[in-house]
C-alpha atoms as a PDB file:
ATOM      1  CA  MET A   1     192.247 -48.387  88.093  1.00  0.00           C
ATOM      2  CA  SER A   2     193.546 -51.245  85.931  1.00  0.00           C
ATOM      3  CA  HIS A   3     196.560 -50.688  83.705  1.00  0.00           C
ATOM      4  CA  ARG A   4     194.448 -50.992  80.549  1.00  0.00           C
ATOM      5  CA  ARG A   5     191.974 -48.422  81.820  1.00  0.00           C
ATOM      6  CA  ALA A   6     194.830 -46.094  82.752  1.00  0.00           C
ATOM      7  CA  VAL A   7     196.236 -46.370  79.215  1.00  0.00           C
ATOM      8  CA  LEU A   8     192.819 -45.689  77.670  1.00  0.00           C
ATOM      9  CA  SER A   9     192.370 -42.718  80.001  1.00  0.00           C
ATOM     10  CA  MET A  10     195.711 -41.306  78.884  1.00  0.00           C
ATOM     11  CA  VAL A  11     194.640 -41.667  75.253  1.00  0.00           C
ATOM     12  CA  VAL A  12     191.490 -39.692  76.088  1.00  0.00           C
ATOM     13  CA  VAL A  13     193.658 -37.055  77.785  1.00  0.00           C
ATOM     14  CA  THR A  14     195.786 -36.582  74.659  1.00  0.00           C
ATOM     15  CA  LEU A  15     192.686 -36.438  72.461  1.00  0.00           C
ATOM     16  CA  LEU A  16     191.211 -33.690  74.627  1.00  0.00           C
ATOM     17  CA  TRP A  17     194.500 -31.792  74.677  1.00  0.00           C
ATOM     18  CA  SER A  18     194.753 -31.994  70.890  1.00  0.00           C
ATOM     19  CA  SER A  19     191.410 -30.223  70.375  1.00  0.00           C
ATOM     20  CA  ALA A  20     192.936 -26.792  71.109  1.00  0.00           C
ATOM     21  CA  GLY A  21     194.133 -26.192  67.562  1.00  0.00           C
ATOM     22  CA  VAL A  22     190.809 -26.999  65.901  1.00  0.00           C
ATOM     23  CA  VAL A  23     188.783 -24.884  68.340  1.00  0.00           C
ATOM     24  CA  THR A  24     191.174 -21.932  68.100  1.00  0.00           C
ATOM     25  CA  ARG A  25     190.893 -21.971  64.320  1.00  0.00           C
ATOM     26  CA  GLN A  26     187.083 -21.664  64.641  1.00  0.00           C
ATOM     27  CA  LEU A  27     187.318 -18.242  66.289  1.00  0.00           C
ATOM     28  CA  ASP A  28     186.143 -15.398  64.060  1.00  0.00           C
ATOM     29  CA  GLU A  29     188.878 -12.942  65.020  1.00  0.00           C
ATOM     30  CA  PRO A  30     191.470 -14.481  67.325  1.00  0.00           C
ATOM     31  CA  ARG A  31     192.831 -11.909  69.771  1.00  0.00           C
ATOM     32  CA  PRO A  32     195.757 -13.627  71.481  1.00  0.00           C
ATOM     33  CA  PHE A  33     195.541 -11.999  74.906  1.00  0.00           C
ATOM     34  CA  GLU A  34     191.765 -12.224  75.138  1.00  0.00           C
ATOM     35  CA  ILE A  35     191.446 -15.877  74.137  1.00  0.00           C
ATOM     36  CA  THR A  36     194.218 -16.743  76.595  1.00  0.00           C
ATOM     37  CA  PHE A  37     192.384 -14.848  79.338  1.00  0.00           C
ATOM     38  CA  TRP A  38     189.055 -16.614  78.740  1.00  0.00           C
ATOM     39  CA  ARG A  39     190.613 -20.079  78.485  1.00  0.00           C
ATOM     40  CA  SER A  40     192.579 -19.654  81.708  1.00  0.00           C
ATOM     41  CA  LEU A  41     189.586 -18.121  83.480  1.00  0.00           C
ATOM     42  CA  PHE A  42     187.229 -20.994  82.616  1.00  0.00           C
ATOM     43  CA  ASN A  43     189.963 -23.471  83.475  1.00  0.00           C
ATOM     44  CA  GLY A  44     190.322 -21.825  86.885  1.00  0.00           C
ATOM     45  CA  CYS A  45     186.558 -21.826  87.435  1.00  0.00           C
ATOM     46  CA  ALA A  46     186.276 -25.535  86.606  1.00  0.00           C
ATOM     47  CA  LEU A  47     189.195 -26.435  88.869  1.00  0.00           C
ATOM     48  CA  THR A  48     187.732 -24.306  91.684  1.00  0.00           C
ATOM     49  CA  VAL A  49     184.374 -26.076  91.460  1.00  0.00           C
ATOM     50  CA  TRP A  50     185.990 -29.518  91.451  1.00  0.00           C
ATOM     51  CA  MET A  51     188.462 -28.836  94.231  1.00  0.00           C
ATOM     52  CA  SER A  52     185.868 -27.098  96.389  1.00  0.00           C
ATOM     53  CA  ALA A  53     183.602 -30.129  96.046  1.00  0.00           C
ATOM     54  CA  THR A  54     186.359 -32.624  96.884  1.00  0.00           C
ATOM     55  CA  MET A  55     188.361 -30.646  99.455  1.00  0.00           C
ATOM     56  CA  GLY A  56     185.770 -28.243 100.810  1.00  0.00           C
ATOM     57  CA  PRO A  57     185.897 -24.473 100.133  1.00  0.00           C
ATOM     58  CA  GLY A  58     187.589 -23.764 103.449  1.00  0.00           C
ATOM     59  CA  ASN A  59     190.313 -26.351 102.907  1.00  0.00           C
ATOM     60  CA  LEU A  60     190.925 -25.075  99.380  1.00  0.00           C
ATOM     61  CA  GLY A  61     191.305 -21.510 100.628  1.00  0.00           C
ATOM     62  CA  ARG A  62     193.727 -22.577 103.335  1.00  0.00           C
ATOM     63  CA  ALA A  63     195.732 -24.653 100.841  1.00  0.00           C
ATOM     64  CA  LEU A  64     196.206 -21.585  98.656  1.00  0.00           C
ATOM     65  CA  LEU A  65     196.876 -19.111 101.477  1.00  0.00           C
ATOM     66  CA  ARG A  66     199.379 -21.409 103.193  1.00  0.00           C
ATOM     67  CA  ALA A  67     200.989 -22.651  99.988  1.00  0.00           C
ATOM     68  CA  PRO A  68     204.711 -23.395 100.383  1.00  0.00           C
ATOM     69  CA  ARG A  69     207.238 -21.720  98.139  1.00  0.00           C
ATOM     70  CA  SER A  70     207.544 -24.796  95.929  1.00  0.00           C
ATOM     71  CA  LEU A  71     203.798 -24.747  95.251  1.00  0.00           C
ATOM     72  CA  LEU A  72     203.895 -21.046  94.389  1.00  0.00           C
ATOM     73  CA  LEU A  73     206.767 -21.603  91.977  1.00  0.00           C
ATOM     74  CA  SER A  74     204.917 -24.543  90.432  1.00  0.00           C
ATOM     75  CA  GLY A  75     201.847 -22.349  89.974  1.00  0.00           C
ATOM     76  CA  LEU A  76     204.001 -19.746  88.230  1.00  0.00           C
ATOM     77  CA  CYS A  77     205.329 -22.422  85.885  1.00  0.00           C
ATOM     78  CA  TRP A  78     201.787 -23.586  85.091  1.00  0.00           C
ATOM     79  CA  SER A  79     200.738 -19.994  84.356  1.00  0.00           C
ATOM     80  CA  VAL A  80     203.579 -19.634  81.826  1.00  0.00           C
ATOM     81  CA  MET A  81     202.568 -22.928  80.215  1.00  0.00           C
ATOM     82  CA  PHE A  82     198.879 -21.978  79.984  1.00  0.00           C
ATOM     83  CA  THR A  83     199.690 -18.536  78.587  1.00  0.00           C
ATOM     84  CA  ALA A  84     202.477 -19.370  76.156  1.00  0.00           C
ATOM     85  CA  PHE A  85     200.576 -22.272  74.589  1.00  0.00           C
ATOM     86  CA  MET A  86     197.626 -20.188  73.453  1.00  0.00           C
ATOM     87  CA  LEU A  87     199.795 -17.279  72.329  1.00  0.00           C
ATOM     88  CA  ALA A  88     201.907 -19.666  70.246  1.00  0.00           C
ATOM     89  CA  LEU A  89     198.806 -21.095  68.530  1.00  0.00           C
ATOM     90  CA  THR A  90     197.904 -17.604  67.289  1.00  0.00           C
ATOM     91  CA  LEU A  91     201.372 -17.056  65.818  1.00  0.00           C
ATOM     92  CA  THR A  92     202.195 -20.268  63.969  1.00  0.00           C
ATOM     93  CA  SER A  93     200.749 -23.579  62.834  1.00  0.00           C
ATOM     94  CA  VAL A  94     199.435 -26.173  65.245  1.00  0.00           C
ATOM     95  CA  ALA A  95     202.043 -28.636  63.981  1.00  0.00           C
ATOM     96  CA  ASN A  96     204.918 -26.258  64.763  1.00  0.00           C
ATOM     97  CA  VAL A  97     203.595 -25.689  68.290  1.00  0.00           C
ATOM     98  CA  LEU A  98     203.000 -29.351  69.127  1.00  0.00           C
ATOM     99  CA  VAL A  99     206.285 -30.581  67.684  1.00  0.00           C
ATOM    100  CA  THR A 100     208.216 -27.944  69.635  1.00  0.00           C
ATOM    101  CA  MET A 101     206.381 -28.934  72.825  1.00  0.00           C
ATOM    102  CA  ALA A 102     207.135 -32.616  72.193  1.00  0.00           C
ATOM    103  CA  THR A 103     210.734 -31.928  73.225  1.00  0.00           C
ATOM    104  CA  GLY A 104     209.529 -31.377  76.808  1.00  0.00           C
ATOM    105  CA  PRO A 105     210.488 -34.807  78.234  1.00  0.00           C
ATOM    106  CA  LEU A 106     214.003 -34.556  76.792  1.00  0.00           C
ATOM    107  CA  LEU A 107     214.430 -31.024  78.108  1.00  0.00           C
ATOM    108  CA  THR A 108     213.229 -32.229  81.501  1.00  0.00           C
ATOM    109  CA  ALA A 109     215.934 -34.905  81.428  1.00  0.00           C
ATOM    110  CA  ILE A 110     218.569 -32.218  80.848  1.00  0.00           C
ATOM    111  CA  PHE A 111     217.225 -30.057  83.679  1.00  0.00           C
ATOM    112  CA  ALA A 112     217.137 -33.053  86.031  1.00  0.00           C
ATOM    113  CA  ARG A 113     220.739 -33.875  85.119  1.00  0.00           C
ATOM    114  CA  VAL A 114     221.961 -30.344  85.796  1.00  0.00           C
ATOM    115  CA  ALA A 115     219.852 -29.533  88.867  1.00  0.00           C
ATOM    116  CA  LEU A 116     219.442 -32.929  90.519  1.00  0.00           C
ATOM    117  CA  GLY A 117     222.404 -34.893  89.259  1.00  0.00           C
ATOM    118  CA  HIS A 118     220.298 -37.560  87.549  1.00  0.00           C
ATOM    119  CA  ARG A 119     222.319 -39.826  85.278  1.00  0.00           C
ATOM    120  CA  LEU A 120     221.305 -39.721  81.628  1.00  0.00           C
ATOM    121  CA  PRO A 121     221.306 -43.068  79.803  1.00  0.00           C
ATOM    122  CA  ARG A 122     223.142 -43.114  76.490  1.00  0.00           C
ATOM    123  CA  ARG A 123     219.874 -43.516  74.582  1.00  0.00           C
ATOM    124  CA  THR A 124     218.584 -40.293  76.169  1.00  0.00           C
ATOM    125  CA  VAL A 125     221.706 -38.378  75.153  1.00  0.00           C
ATOM    126  CA  ILE A 126     221.318 -39.637  71.580  1.00  0.00           C
ATOM    127  CA  ALA A 127     217.609 -38.765  71.618  1.00  0.00           C
ATOM    128  CA  ILE A 128     218.371 -35.212  72.773  1.00  0.00           C
ATOM    129  CA  ALA A 129     220.867 -34.784  69.928  1.00  0.00           C
ATOM    130  CA  VAL A 130     218.421 -36.128  67.306  1.00  0.00           C
ATOM    131  CA  ALA A 131     215.498 -34.060  68.618  1.00  0.00           C
ATOM    132  CA  SER A 132     217.673 -30.938  68.664  1.00  0.00           C
ATOM    133  CA  LEU A 133     218.555 -31.589  65.026  1.00  0.00           C
ATOM    134  CA  GLY A 134     214.855 -31.807  64.155  1.00  0.00           C
ATOM    135  CA  ILE A 135     214.021 -28.533  65.922  1.00  0.00           C
ATOM    136  CA  VAL A 136     216.994 -26.726  64.357  1.00  0.00           C
ATOM    137  CA  TRP A 137     215.852 -28.031  60.969  1.00  0.00           C
ATOM    138  CA  MET A 138     212.385 -26.545  61.499  1.00  0.00           C
ATOM    139  CA  TYR A 139     213.694 -23.193  62.738  1.00  0.00           C
ATOM    140  CA  ALA A 140     216.213 -22.924  59.885  1.00  0.00           C
ATOM    141  CA  ALA A 141     213.547 -23.726  57.299  1.00  0.00           C
ATOM    142  CA  GLU A 142     211.196 -21.067  58.669  1.00  0.00           C
ATOM    143  CA  LEU A 143     213.997 -18.488  58.740  1.00  0.00           C
ATOM    144  CA  GLY A 144     214.961 -19.430  55.210  1.00  0.00           C
ATOM    145  CA  ALA A 145     211.370 -18.888  54.109  1.00  0.00           C
ATOM    146  CA  GLY A 146     211.366 -15.479  55.777  1.00  0.00           C
ATOM    147  CA  SER A 147     208.544 -16.443  58.144  1.00  0.00           C
ATOM    148  CA  THR A 148     209.549 -14.532  61.264  1.00  0.00           C
ATOM    149  CA  ARG A 149     206.024 -14.912  62.677  1.00  0.00           C
ATOM    150  CA  ASP A 150     206.337 -18.693  62.620  1.00  0.00           C
ATOM    151  CA  VAL A 151     209.767 -18.528  64.232  1.00  0.00           C
ATOM    152  CA  LEU A 152     208.350 -16.274  66.952  1.00  0.00           C
ATOM    153  CA  GLY A 153     205.484 -18.708  67.505  1.00  0.00           C
ATOM    154  CA  MET A 154     207.864 -21.626  67.869  1.00  0.00           C
ATOM    155  CA  GLY A 155     209.946 -19.574  70.293  1.00  0.00           C
ATOM    156  CA  VAL A 156     206.859 -18.898  72.405  1.00  0.00           C
ATOM    157  CA  ALA A 157     205.977 -22.617  72.267  1.00  0.00           C
ATOM    158  CA  LEU A 158     209.472 -23.341  73.538  1.00  0.00           C
ATOM    159  CA  LEU A 159     208.555 -21.370  76.687  1.00  0.00           C
ATOM    160  CA  VAL A 160     205.955 -24.062  77.401  1.00  0.00           C
ATOM    161  CA  THR A 161     208.616 -26.767  77.390  1.00  0.00           C
ATOM    162  CA  LEU A 162     211.024 -24.660  79.462  1.00  0.00           C
ATOM    163  CA  ALA A 163     208.364 -23.941  82.090  1.00  0.00           C
ATOM    164  CA  GLY A 164     207.247 -27.585  82.070  1.00  0.00           C
ATOM    165  CA  ALA A 165     210.785 -28.883  82.510  1.00  0.00           C
ATOM    166  CA  THR A 166     211.356 -26.422  85.339  1.00  0.00           C
ATOM    167  CA  ASN A 167     208.099 -27.442  86.990  1.00  0.00           C
ATOM    168  CA  TRP A 168     208.746 -31.197  86.949  1.00  0.00           C
ATOM    169  CA  THR A 169     212.334 -30.742  88.092  1.00  0.00           C
ATOM    170  CA  LEU A 170     211.067 -28.606  90.960  1.00  0.00           C
ATOM    171  CA  MET A 171     208.533 -31.262  91.924  1.00  0.00           C
ATOM    172  CA  GLN A 172     211.194 -33.981  91.842  1.00  0.00           C
ATOM    173  CA  HIS A 173     213.421 -31.874  94.091  1.00  0.00           C
ATOM    174  CA  THR A 174     210.527 -31.266  96.487  1.00  0.00           C
ATOM    175  CA  ALA A 175     209.695 -34.978  96.577  1.00  0.00           C
ATOM    176  CA  ARG A 176     213.339 -35.758  97.335  1.00  0.00           C
ATOM    177  CA  VAL A 177     213.459 -33.260 100.222  1.00  0.00           C
ATOM    178  CA  GLN A 178     209.991 -33.715 101.736  1.00  0.00           C
ATOM    179  CA  GLY A 179     209.150 -37.232 100.615  1.00  0.00           C
ATOM    180  CA  PRO A 180     206.921 -38.502  97.783  1.00  0.00           C
ATOM    181  CA  GLY A 181     203.285 -37.474  97.875  1.00  0.00           C
ATOM    182  CA  ARG A 182     203.812 -34.525 100.229  1.00  0.00           C
ATOM    183  CA  ILE A 183     202.936 -31.909  97.610  1.00  0.00           C
ATOM    184  CA  ASP A 184     199.461 -31.785  96.059  1.00  0.00           C
ATOM    185  CA  LEU A 185     199.711 -30.613  92.440  1.00  0.00           C
ATOM    186  CA  LEU A 186     196.075 -29.574  92.062  1.00  0.00           C
ATOM    187  CA  PRO A 187     196.351 -26.260  93.977  1.00  0.00           C
ATOM    188  CA  ALA A 188     199.349 -25.414  91.771  1.00  0.00           C
ATOM    189  CA  LEU A 189     197.199 -26.007  88.666  1.00  0.00           C
ATOM    190  CA  LEU A 190     194.517 -23.703  90.025  1.00  0.00           C
ATOM    191  CA  LEU A 191     197.060 -21.066  90.996  1.00  0.00           C
ATOM    192  CA  GLY A 192     198.549 -21.216  87.497  1.00  0.00           C
ATOM    193  CA  ALA A 193     195.147 -20.680  85.887  1.00  0.00           C
ATOM    194  CA  LEU A 194     194.401 -17.705  88.153  1.00  0.00           C
ATOM    195  CA  LEU A 195     197.798 -16.110  87.518  1.00  0.00           C
ATOM    196  CA  SER A 196     197.458 -16.571  83.754  1.00  0.00           C
ATOM    197  CA  SER A 197     193.992 -15.006  83.586  1.00  0.00           C
ATOM    198  CA  ALA A 198     195.026 -12.126  85.869  1.00  0.00           C
ATOM    199  CA  ALA A 199     198.106 -11.385  83.753  1.00  0.00           C
ATOM    200  CA  MET A 200     196.136 -11.426  80.479  1.00  0.00           C
ATOM    201  CA  LEU A 201     193.159  -9.316  81.585  1.00  0.00           C
ATOM    202  CA  PRO A 202     194.876  -5.885  81.394  1.00  0.00           C
ATOM    203  CA  LEU A 203     196.313  -6.772  77.985  1.00  0.00           C
ATOM    204  CA  ALA A 204     192.962  -8.070  76.709  1.00  0.00           C
ATOM    205  CA  TRP A 205     190.864  -5.143  77.949  1.00  0.00           C
ATOM    206  CA  PRO A 206     188.376  -4.097  76.624  1.00  0.00           C
ATOM    207  CA  LEU A 207     186.976  -7.560  76.058  1.00  0.00           C
ATOM    208  CA  GLN A 208     185.347  -7.949  72.632  1.00  0.00           C
ATOM    209  CA  SER A 209     184.447 -11.645  72.303  1.00  0.00           C
ATOM    210  CA  GLY A 210     180.847 -12.489  71.478  1.00  0.00           C
ATOM    211  CA  GLY A 211     178.715 -15.276  72.873  1.00  0.00           C
ATOM    212  CA  ARG A 212     179.880 -17.860  70.334  1.00  0.00           C
ATOM    213  CA  GLU A 213     183.554 -17.172  70.943  1.00  0.00           C
ATOM    214  CA  ILE A 214     183.113 -17.235  74.722  1.00  0.00           C
ATOM    215  CA  ALA A 215     181.293 -20.578  74.454  1.00  0.00           C
ATOM    216  CA  LEU A 216     184.167 -22.043  72.408  1.00  0.00           C
ATOM    217  CA  LEU A 217     186.747 -20.699  74.854  1.00  0.00           C
ATOM    218  CA  ALA A 218     184.740 -22.032  77.795  1.00  0.00           C
ATOM    219  CA  GLY A 219     184.881 -25.444  76.144  1.00  0.00           C
ATOM    220  CA  LEU A 220     188.645 -25.068  75.814  1.00  0.00           C
ATOM    221  CA  GLY A 221     189.054 -24.099  79.448  1.00  0.00           C
ATOM    222  CA  VAL A 222     186.909 -26.950  80.776  1.00  0.00           C
ATOM    223  CA  PHE A 223     187.239 -29.854  78.321  1.00  0.00           C
ATOM    224  CA  GLN A 224     190.629 -29.191  76.725  1.00  0.00           C
ATOM    225  CA  LEU A 225     192.439 -28.147  79.897  1.00  0.00           C
ATOM    226  CA  ALA A 226     190.733 -28.659  83.275  1.00  0.00           C
ATOM    227  CA  ILE A 227     189.335 -32.164  82.758  1.00  0.00           C
ATOM    228  CA  PRO A 228     192.476 -33.661  81.141  1.00  0.00           C
ATOM    229  CA  CYS A 229     194.661 -32.036  83.816  1.00  0.00           C
ATOM    230  CA  LEU A 230     192.574 -33.697  86.512  1.00  0.00           C
ATOM    231  CA  LEU A 231     192.653 -37.007  84.636  1.00  0.00           C
ATOM    232  CA  VAL A 232     196.412 -37.001  84.115  1.00  0.00           C
ATOM    233  CA  VAL A 233     197.023 -36.441  87.832  1.00  0.00           C
ATOM    234  CA  VAL A 234     195.077 -39.644  88.505  1.00  0.00           C
ATOM    235  CA  VAL A 235     196.486 -41.633  85.579  1.00  0.00           C
ATOM    236  CA  ALA A 236     200.085 -40.799  86.549  1.00  0.00           C
ATOM    237  CA  ARG A 237     199.607 -42.911  89.691  1.00  0.00           C
ATOM    238  CA  TYR A 238     199.111 -46.050  87.597  1.00  0.00           C
ATOM    239  CA  LEU A 239     201.521 -45.544  84.687  1.00  0.00           C
ATOM    240  CA  SER A 240     205.299 -45.257  84.633  1.00  0.00           C
ATOM    241  CA  ALA A 241     207.033 -42.109  83.396  1.00  0.00           C
ATOM    242  CA  PRO A 242     208.086 -43.779  80.082  1.00  0.00           C
ATOM    243  CA  GLU A 243     204.497 -44.870  79.470  1.00  0.00           C
ATOM    244  CA  VAL A 244     203.169 -41.359  80.089  1.00  0.00           C
ATOM    245  CA  SER A 245     205.845 -39.865  77.807  1.00  0.00           C
ATOM    246  CA  LEU A 246     205.107 -42.314  74.997  1.00  0.00           C
ATOM    247  CA  LEU A 247     201.350 -41.891  75.213  1.00  0.00           C
ATOM    248  CA  SER A 248     201.746 -38.103  75.338  1.00  0.00           C
ATOM    249  CA  LEU A 249     203.144 -38.264  71.798  1.00  0.00           C
ATOM    250  CA  LEU A 250     199.599 -38.983  70.646  1.00  0.00           C
ATOM    251  CA  GLU A 251     198.796 -35.315  71.256  1.00  0.00           C
ATOM    252  CA  VAL A 252     201.072 -34.388  68.357  1.00  0.00           C
ATOM    253  CA  VAL A 253     199.525 -37.030  66.091  1.00  0.00           C
ATOM    254  CA  PHE A 254     195.935 -36.210  67.039  1.00  0.00           C
ATOM    255  CA  GLY A 255     196.475 -32.437  66.997  1.00  0.00           C
ATOM    256  CA  VAL A 256     198.099 -32.316  63.554  1.00  0.00           C
ATOM    257  CA  ALA A 257     195.592 -34.782  62.102  1.00  0.00           C
ATOM    258  CA  LEU A 258     192.575 -32.865  63.440  1.00  0.00           C
ATOM    259  CA  VAL A 259     193.559 -29.478  62.005  1.00  0.00           C
ATOM    260  CA  TRP A 260     194.615 -31.185  58.773  1.00  0.00           C
ATOM    261  CA  LEU A 261     191.245 -32.923  58.362  1.00  0.00           C
ATOM    262  CA  VAL A 262     188.891 -30.331  59.865  1.00  0.00           C
ATOM    263  CA  VAL A 263     190.336 -26.937  58.895  1.00  0.00           C
ATOM    264  CA  GLU A 264     192.757 -28.078  56.153  1.00  0.00           C
ATOM    265  CA  GLU A 265     195.825 -26.651  57.902  1.00  0.00           C
ATOM    266  CA  VAL A 266     198.472 -28.706  56.124  1.00  0.00           C
ATOM    267  CA  PRO A 267     201.861 -28.864  57.887  1.00  0.00           C
ATOM    268  CA  SER A 268     204.891 -27.912  55.819  1.00  0.00           C
ATOM    269  CA  SER A 269     207.312 -30.572  54.633  1.00  0.00           C
ATOM    270  CA  HIS A 270     210.092 -29.364  56.933  1.00  0.00           C
ATOM    271  CA  THR A 271     207.704 -29.531  59.890  1.00  0.00           C
ATOM    272  CA  LEU A 272     206.849 -33.120  59.014  1.00  0.00           C
ATOM    273  CA  TRP A 273     210.516 -34.098  58.668  1.00  0.00           C
ATOM    274  CA  GLY A 274     211.645 -32.199  61.745  1.00  0.00           C
ATOM    275  CA  GLY A 275     208.680 -33.454  63.722  1.00  0.00           C
ATOM    276  CA  GLY A 276     209.410 -36.997  62.611  1.00  0.00           C
ATOM    277  CA  LEU A 277     212.933 -36.697  64.011  1.00  0.00           C
ATOM    278  CA  VAL A 278     211.607 -35.350  67.329  1.00  0.00           C
ATOM    279  CA  LEU A 279     208.994 -38.088  67.697  1.00  0.00           C
ATOM    280  CA  ALA A 280     211.434 -40.818  66.684  1.00  0.00           C
ATOM    281  CA  ALA A 281     213.975 -39.493  69.193  1.00  0.00           C
ATOM    282  CA  LEU A 282     211.496 -39.424  72.053  1.00  0.00           C
ATOM    283  CA  GLY A 283     210.071 -42.824  71.173  1.00  0.00           C
ATOM    284  CA  GLY A 284     213.548 -44.310  70.900  1.00  0.00           C
ATOM    285  CA  ALA A 285     214.472 -42.924  74.315  1.00  0.00           C
ATOM    286  CA  GLU A 286     211.353 -44.025  76.181  1.00  0.00           C
ATOM    287  CA  LEU A 287     210.411 -47.309  74.503  1.00  0.00           C
ATOM    288  CA  PRO A 288     213.360 -49.357  75.871  1.00  0.00           C
ATOM    289  CA  ALA A 289     212.698 -48.045  79.392  1.00  0.00           C
ATOM    290  CA  TRP A 290     209.024 -48.939  79.113  1.00  0.00           C
ATOM    291  CA  TRP A 291     209.817 -52.392  77.724  1.00  0.00           C
ATOM    292  CA  SER A 292     212.396 -53.216  80.393  1.00  0.00           C
ATOM    293  CA  ARG A 293     210.050 -52.074  83.164  1.00  0.00           C
ATOM    294  CA  ARG A 294     207.234 -54.174  81.722  1.00  0.00           C
ATOM    295  CA  ALA A 295     209.487 -57.217  81.638  1.00  0.00           C
ATOM    296  CA  LEU A 296     210.742 -56.788  85.211  1.00  0.00           C
ATOM    297  CA  VAL A 297     207.617 -55.709  87.070  1.00  0.00           C
ATOM    298  CA  PRO A 298     205.041 -58.478  87.636  1.00  0.00           C
ATOM    299  CA  ALA A 299     201.432 -57.778  86.869  1.00  0.00           C
ATOM    300  CA  ALA A 300     199.459 -56.421  89.809  1.00  0.00           C
ATOM    301  CA  PRO A 301     196.833 -58.790  91.197  1.00  0.00           C
ATOM    302  CA  ARG A 302     193.271 -58.048  90.250  1.00  0.00           C
ATOM    303  CA  ILE A 303     191.188 -56.521  92.994  1.00  0.00           C
ATOM    304  CA  GLN A 304     187.697 -57.928  93.265  1.00  0.00           C
ATOM    305  CA  PRO A 305     184.762 -55.603  93.934  1.00  0.00           C
ATOM    306  CA  GLY A 306     184.430 -54.873  97.623  1.00  0.00           C
ATOM    307  CA  GLU A 307     188.108 -55.442  98.491  1.00  0.00           C
END
């Protein structure tokens, strides 16, 4: 995959991710536990079909049954991310959820510093301080407005970033101990989807969604979650971490714009200001790293067909 195609693929990934808010707002009567169950279930089904076709059903079963502890913990992290994201969307605005989740890369940097001893550049420390100010601004504004539901939703969205930071720190530790490329992330994704759907089923029972709602949730599970997750695993092989972090910011832009244009869910002024601080902080932290890497690393030679 060429670098340009990898960038375009990452843009497609963020566009697919950002569709969750619009689709969720189309549901007639959103029931948090049930919509989370259906989305995770269809995500798991799509991943099972793909992985069975590429690995073989027997190999997939053995990969899950013989999963090392790190893979099980990663699957647990994915299940928290899948579950908390949908629950947060039912509690607060799409903008509040996406802006809160945008702090994920900075939180990962903190976790990596504490757990792995990674050195934090000064720009990252400044970015963490600025992003924290933006999030505190949003929380304080919601509390001042008496919107405890929105505050709860942002708190649930924060679980997504905590689980994500834990997951990537765990993977970095595993790569350091066992060597890069020794852990396949796809079984962890599947395990996370299965755990999420299993945890939500008792809370969602009896299921009440009609055919239209199930069709929308199936689209979420397959096109908003499974396909972009598979794409990002491939794209990450061709893009640097700063590039992935910068391009991931498009999810916030696309997600807020879509619900604004399609369902007229207008973000509050404090969300726009706080979100602007978060995005500026993350961009300011990652852009210099991306630029320096681009200047130092020579372009890869083009591979002709058949090579």
